[in-house]
């Protein structure tokens, strides 16, 4: 089967929202309220901090280390922004990957991703064969926001199957965030 030919006259880019700056941990905005954190050991260690600014869920991690090539200090910052309603959208839609084709709400048999608008931003969930450390998983994507800093690719927060579905994993974390928001507790 050949891939479809690109037709420029029918192509419409996803509208991008204004890119946020990458914030240094010493200068996080005052309106970012920490709602939880989640430690994960992947190839390296991540201590994800989850913030809410009134409209946006921010997933943030930073790490200071030494550059293995030149021995100089280096700071790694990971920052992802999603509309807060995206937590519920993710929880409700990840289930669609496990329905049999033909069932109400199921993805077609040939689909490995889902994209929909959540408010004004286009979100996606993609099945990943190689999430990190050669492990399958899923990506929660914000197709309306560019990866930091100044990249053309969309923001993608990867989660291995194990990290997503284990007890107390990402699915439980996003469910808790969604429920707390819906109860007005954030």
Protein backbone atom coordinates (compact mmCIF):
# COMPACT_ATOMS: atom_id res chain seq x y z
CA UNK A 1 0.00 0.00 0.00
CA UNK A 2 1.43 3.36 -1.05
CA UNK A 3 1.12 6.37 1.23
CA UNK A 4 -1.20 9.12 -0.02
CA UNK A 5 0.33 11.92 -2.04
CA UNK A 6 0.68 15.26 -0.31
CA UNK A 7 -1.81 17.77 -1.67
CA UNK A 8 -0.71 21.30 -0.68
CA UNK A 9 -4.01 22.93 -1.63
CA UNK A 10 -5.90 20.84 0.96
CA UNK A 11 -3.30 21.06 3.73
CA UNK A 12 -4.20 23.13 6.77
CA UNK A 13 -1.70 23.49 9.60
CA UNK A 14 -2.89 23.17 13.18
CA UNK A 15 -3.08 26.68 14.63
CA UNK A 16 -0.32 27.16 17.20
CA UNK A 17 -0.77 29.10 20.40
CA UNK A 18 1.83 31.63 21.46
CA UNK A 19 4.89 29.79 22.69
CA UNK A 20 5.69 30.12 26.37
CA UNK A 21 9.22 30.79 27.55
CA UNK A 22 11.13 27.96 29.21
CA UNK A 23 11.13 28.90 32.87
CA UNK A 24 14.15 28.45 35.11
CA UNK A 25 13.34 26.64 38.38
CA UNK A 26 14.47 29.67 40.39
CA UNK A 27 11.99 31.91 38.55
CA UNK A 28 8.75 29.99 38.09
CA UNK A 29 5.73 32.28 37.66
CA UNK A 30 3.93 33.22 40.88
CA UNK A 31 0.60 31.99 39.53
CA UNK A 32 1.89 28.43 39.08
CA UNK A 33 0.44 26.42 41.95
CA UNK A 34 2.01 23.01 42.53
CA UNK A 35 -0.65 20.31 42.57
CA UNK A 36 1.42 17.13 42.73
CA UNK A 37 4.69 15.49 41.76
CA UNK A 38 5.64 12.14 40.30
CA UNK A 39 9.05 10.47 40.39
CA UNK A 40 9.99 8.23 37.49
CA UNK A 41 13.17 6.39 36.64
CA UNK A 42 13.51 6.01 32.89
CA UNK A 43 16.92 5.93 31.27
CA UNK A 44 17.61 8.75 33.72
CA UNK A 45 15.63 10.05 36.70
CA UNK A 46 12.73 12.50 36.45
CA UNK A 47 10.94 14.24 39.28
CA UNK A 48 7.96 15.62 37.39
CA UNK A 49 6.29 18.61 39.03
CA UNK A 50 2.67 19.30 38.08
CA UNK A 51 1.48 22.90 38.24
CA UNK A 52 -1.83 24.64 37.54
CA UNK A 53 -2.05 28.34 36.64
CA UNK A 54 -5.85 28.69 36.48
CA UNK A 55 -6.26 27.38 32.92
CA UNK A 56 -3.21 25.28 32.10
CA UNK A 57 -1.68 22.07 33.43
CA UNK A 58 2.10 22.40 33.34
CA UNK A 59 4.34 19.32 33.57
CA UNK A 60 7.85 20.37 34.53
CA UNK A 61 11.21 18.82 35.38
CA UNK A 62 14.73 20.16 35.58
CA UNK A 63 18.09 18.59 36.26
CA UNK A 64 21.54 20.08 36.61
CA UNK A 65 24.37 17.86 35.47
CA UNK A 66 27.81 17.91 33.88
CA UNK A 67 28.17 17.77 30.11
CA UNK A 68 29.97 14.51 29.38
CA UNK A 69 31.70 16.00 26.34
CA UNK A 70 33.22 19.18 27.74
CA UNK A 71 32.85 18.79 31.53
CA UNK A 72 30.85 22.03 31.89
CA UNK A 73 27.64 22.37 33.91
CA UNK A 74 24.43 21.96 31.93
CA UNK A 75 20.77 22.35 32.85
CA UNK A 76 18.08 20.18 31.30
CA UNK A 77 14.53 21.53 31.47
CA UNK A 78 11.41 19.71 30.31
CA UNK A 79 8.23 21.78 30.19
CA UNK A 80 4.88 20.73 28.72
CA UNK A 81 1.65 22.74 28.71
CA UNK A 82 -1.87 21.33 28.30
CA UNK A 83 -5.30 22.85 28.85
CA UNK A 84 -6.43 21.61 32.27
CA UNK A 85 -9.40 19.86 30.63
CA UNK A 86 -6.81 17.76 28.81
CA UNK A 87 -6.38 15.60 31.92
CA UNK A 88 -10.01 14.40 31.67
CA UNK A 89 -9.76 14.18 27.87
CA UNK A 90 -6.72 11.90 28.18
CA UNK A 91 -8.30 9.66 30.83
CA UNK A 92 -11.53 9.29 28.83
CA UNK A 93 -9.85 8.70 25.48
CA UNK A 94 -6.99 6.33 26.38
CA UNK A 95 -9.70 3.70 26.90
CA UNK A 96 -10.64 3.90 23.21
CA UNK A 97 -7.38 2.14 22.29
CA UNK A 98 -8.62 -1.02 24.05
CA UNK A 99 -12.08 -1.31 22.52
CA UNK A 100 -12.57 -3.77 19.69
CA UNK A 101 -12.99 -2.17 16.25
CA UNK A 102 -16.69 -1.64 15.59
CA UNK A 103 -17.58 -1.04 19.25
CA UNK A 104 -19.00 2.43 20.02
CA UNK A 105 -16.10 4.88 20.48
CA UNK A 106 -13.45 2.42 19.31
CA UNK A 107 -10.64 3.51 17.03
CA UNK A 108 -10.57 1.94 13.57
CA UNK A 109 -8.38 -1.18 13.44
CA UNK A 110 -5.64 0.57 11.42
CA UNK A 111 -5.36 3.64 13.71
CA UNK A 112 -2.58 4.08 16.25
CA UNK A 113 -3.36 7.67 17.19
CA UNK A 114 -6.24 9.95 18.04
CA UNK A 115 -6.46 13.74 17.72
CA UNK A 116 -9.28 16.04 18.82
CA UNK A 117 -9.76 19.58 19.98
CA UNK A 118 -9.94 20.10 23.71
CA UNK A 119 -11.12 23.69 24.00
CA UNK A 120 -8.96 25.75 21.66
CA UNK A 121 -6.02 23.34 21.56
CA UNK A 122 -5.63 20.18 19.53
CA UNK A 123 -4.54 17.23 21.67
CA UNK A 124 -3.51 13.76 20.65
CA UNK A 125 -2.73 10.33 21.99
CA UNK A 126 -0.35 8.14 20.02
CA UNK A 127 0.67 4.54 20.53
CA UNK A 128 4.46 4.31 20.69
CA UNK A 129 6.47 1.24 19.79
CA UNK A 130 9.65 2.66 21.32
CA UNK A 131 8.66 5.04 24.10
CA UNK A 132 11.93 5.19 26.01
CA UNK A 133 14.46 2.53 26.81
CA UNK A 134 12.96 0.35 24.03
CA UNK A 135 9.61 0.07 25.79
CA UNK A 136 6.16 0.47 24.22
CA UNK A 137 3.92 3.21 25.54
CA UNK A 138 1.77 6.21 24.72
CA UNK A 139 2.33 9.91 24.13
CA UNK A 140 0.01 12.67 25.26
CA UNK A 141 0.51 15.36 22.63
CA UNK A 142 -0.36 19.02 22.40
CA UNK A 143 -0.38 19.64 18.67
CA UNK A 144 -1.09 23.33 19.26
CA UNK A 145 2.16 23.95 21.14
CA UNK A 146 5.73 23.60 19.95
CA UNK A 147 8.32 21.60 21.87
CA UNK A 148 10.73 23.79 23.88
CA UNK A 149 12.84 25.63 22.99
CA UNK A 150 11.74 26.94 19.59
CA UNK A 151 11.23 23.60 17.89
CA UNK A 152 8.76 22.84 15.12
CA UNK A 153 7.63 19.54 16.62
CA UNK A 154 4.62 19.44 18.92
CA UNK A 155 4.88 18.85 22.65
CA UNK A 156 4.80 15.12 23.43
CA UNK A 157 4.81 13.71 26.95
CA UNK A 158 5.80 10.03 26.67
CA UNK A 159 4.68 7.34 29.12
CA UNK A 160 5.63 3.67 29.00
CA UNK A 161 2.85 1.09 29.33
CA UNK A 162 4.16 0.14 32.75
CA UNK A 163 4.38 3.73 34.01
CA UNK A 164 0.92 4.54 32.62
CA UNK A 165 -1.05 1.55 33.87
CA UNK A 166 0.66 0.46 37.09
CA UNK A 167 -1.03 1.16 40.40
CA UNK A 168 -0.37 4.80 41.22
CA UNK A 169 0.92 5.42 37.67
CA UNK A 170 0.18 8.16 35.17
CA UNK A 171 -3.41 7.05 34.51
CA UNK A 172 -4.17 7.33 38.22
CA UNK A 173 -2.34 10.66 38.39
CA UNK A 174 -4.25 12.21 35.45
CA UNK A 175 -7.53 10.80 36.84
CA UNK A 176 -6.81 12.45 40.20
CA UNK A 177 -5.96 15.79 38.56
CA UNK A 178 -9.14 15.68 36.45
CA UNK A 179 -11.33 14.84 39.45
CA UNK A 180 -9.76 17.52 41.64
CA UNK A 181 -10.27 20.12 38.91
CA UNK A 182 -13.90 19.08 38.41
CA UNK A 183 -14.52 19.41 42.17
CA UNK A 184 -12.92 22.88 42.13
CA UNK A 185 -10.02 21.77 44.36
CA UNK A 186 -7.14 23.02 42.24
